């Protein structure tokens, strides 16, 4: 499996663009953003809702990471760590900080 794509050097209007390597991580993130944008466009939510979803997702992912760092790293209680996957990202993207709190509560009662 390739680890990205290489774009060879090319010239546009007399400006030479050097070789560019785009890694798989960047391609996957770009594809996910495109798919989410198309879903929002399909349901006519608009760009404002899309931006809000992205901001909530980033804040939620940061909170999930910090909660995993505090609970798993400092307190060494791995049973309450939450995976950062599509389900937790969707919940935090839609509900934001309250979504993270609800995920932690659900995880606490299911251990």
Protein backbone atom coordinates (compact mmCIF):
# COMPACT_ATOMS: atom_id res chain seq x y z
CA UNK A 1 0.00 0.00 0.00
CA UNK A 2 1.46 3.38 -0.94
CA UNK A 3 2.20 5.85 1.82
CA UNK A 4 0.85 8.86 -0.06
CA UNK A 5 1.08 10.47 -3.46
CA UNK A 6 3.95 12.30 -5.11
CA UNK A 7 3.22 15.24 -7.38
CA UNK A 8 6.14 15.86 -9.76
CA UNK A 9 7.63 19.28 -10.39
CA UNK A 10 5.62 21.42 -12.81
CA UNK A 11 5.49 24.99 -14.13
CA UNK A 12 2.48 27.30 -14.18
CA UNK A 13 2.73 30.75 -15.80
CA UNK A 14 6.51 30.68 -15.51
CA UNK A 15 6.42 29.70 -11.80
CA UNK A 16 8.04 26.35 -11.04
CA UNK A 17 6.34 24.30 -8.34
CA UNK A 18 8.72 21.78 -6.70
CA UNK A 19 7.99 18.13 -5.99
CA UNK A 20 5.22 17.68 -3.42
CA UNK A 21 4.54 14.62 -1.28
CA UNK A 22 1.12 14.31 0.33
CA UNK A 23 0.92 11.65 3.06
CA UNK A 24 -1.94 9.20 3.55
CA UNK A 25 -3.03 10.90 6.77
CA UNK A 26 -3.61 14.20 4.98
CA UNK A 27 -5.49 12.43 2.18
CA UNK A 28 -7.73 10.58 4.63
CA UNK A 29 -8.51 13.77 6.56
CA UNK A 30 -9.30 15.61 3.33
CA UNK A 31 -11.58 12.76 2.20
CA UNK A 32 -13.42 12.73 5.54
CA UNK A 33 -13.95 16.50 5.43
CA UNK A 34 -15.23 16.21 1.85
CA UNK A 35 -17.67 13.42 2.74
CA UNK A 36 -18.98 15.29 5.78
CA UNK A 37 -19.36 18.44 3.69
CA UNK A 38 -21.32 16.51 1.04
CA UNK A 39 -23.59 15.01 3.70
CA UNK A 40 -24.26 18.48 5.13
CA UNK A 41 -24.92 19.77 1.61
CA UNK A 42 -27.30 16.87 0.94
CA UNK A 43 -29.35 17.72 4.02
CA UNK A 44 -29.15 21.48 3.30
CA UNK A 45 -27.55 22.35 6.62
CA UNK A 46 -25.23 24.97 5.16
CA UNK A 47 -21.64 26.01 5.63
CA UNK A 48 -22.30 27.60 9.04
CA UNK A 49 -23.52 24.26 10.42
CA UNK A 50 -20.58 22.48 8.81
CA UNK A 51 -18.06 24.86 10.41
CA UNK A 52 -19.80 24.48 13.79
CA UNK A 53 -19.62 20.70 13.44
CA UNK A 54 -15.89 20.86 12.63
CA UNK A 55 -15.15 23.16 15.58
CA UNK A 56 -17.17 20.95 17.94
CA UNK A 57 -15.37 17.88 16.62
CA UNK A 58 -11.94 19.44 17.19
CA UNK A 59 -12.82 20.62 20.70
CA UNK A 60 -14.39 17.23 21.48
CA UNK A 61 -11.36 15.32 20.20
CA UNK A 62 -9.08 17.53 22.31
CA UNK A 63 -11.28 16.89 25.37
CA UNK A 64 -11.29 13.15 24.70
CA UNK A 65 -7.51 13.19 24.41
CA UNK A 66 -7.13 15.23 27.61
CA UNK A 67 -9.56 13.02 29.53
CA UNK A 68 -7.67 9.92 28.37
CA UNK A 69 -4.40 11.57 29.35
CA UNK A 70 -5.63 12.54 32.82
CA UNK A 71 -7.57 9.36 33.62
CA UNK A 72 -5.22 6.87 31.98
CA UNK A 73 -1.89 8.64 32.37
CA UNK A 74 -2.06 10.40 35.70
CA UNK A 75 -4.55 8.28 37.66
CA UNK A 76 -3.62 5.00 35.91
CA UNK A 77 -7.29 4.03 35.65
CA UNK A 78 -7.54 2.68 32.11
CA UNK A 79 -11.12 1.45 32.47
CA UNK A 80 -12.46 5.00 32.00
CA UNK A 81 -10.44 5.90 28.91
CA UNK A 82 -12.49 6.57 25.79
CA UNK A 83 -11.35 5.58 22.30
CA UNK A 84 -11.20 8.35 19.72
CA UNK A 85 -13.06 6.76 16.81
CA UNK A 86 -15.88 7.64 14.40
CA UNK A 87 -18.62 7.15 17.01
CA UNK A 88 -17.08 9.31 19.72
CA UNK A 89 -16.05 11.91 17.12
CA UNK A 90 -19.61 12.06 15.78
CA UNK A 91 -21.11 12.41 19.26
CA UNK A 92 -18.68 15.17 20.18
CA UNK A 93 -19.16 16.83 16.79
CA UNK A 94 -22.91 17.02 17.22
CA UNK A 95 -23.16 17.66 20.96
CA UNK A 96 -19.78 19.23 21.78
CA UNK A 97 -18.60 19.28 25.40
CA UNK A 98 -21.86 17.83 26.83
CA UNK A 99 -21.36 14.88 24.46
CA UNK A 100 -17.94 14.17 25.98
CA UNK A 101 -19.42 14.33 29.48
CA UNK A 102 -22.22 11.93 28.51
CA UNK A 103 -19.70 9.52 26.93
CA UNK A 104 -17.65 9.56 30.15
CA UNK A 105 -20.78 8.93 32.25
CA UNK A 106 -21.85 6.04 30.00
CA UNK A 107 -18.35 4.57 30.16
CA UNK A 108 -18.35 4.88 33.97
CA UNK A 109 -21.61 2.91 34.31
CA UNK A 110 -20.62 0.20 31.80
CA UNK A 111 -17.36 -0.91 33.45
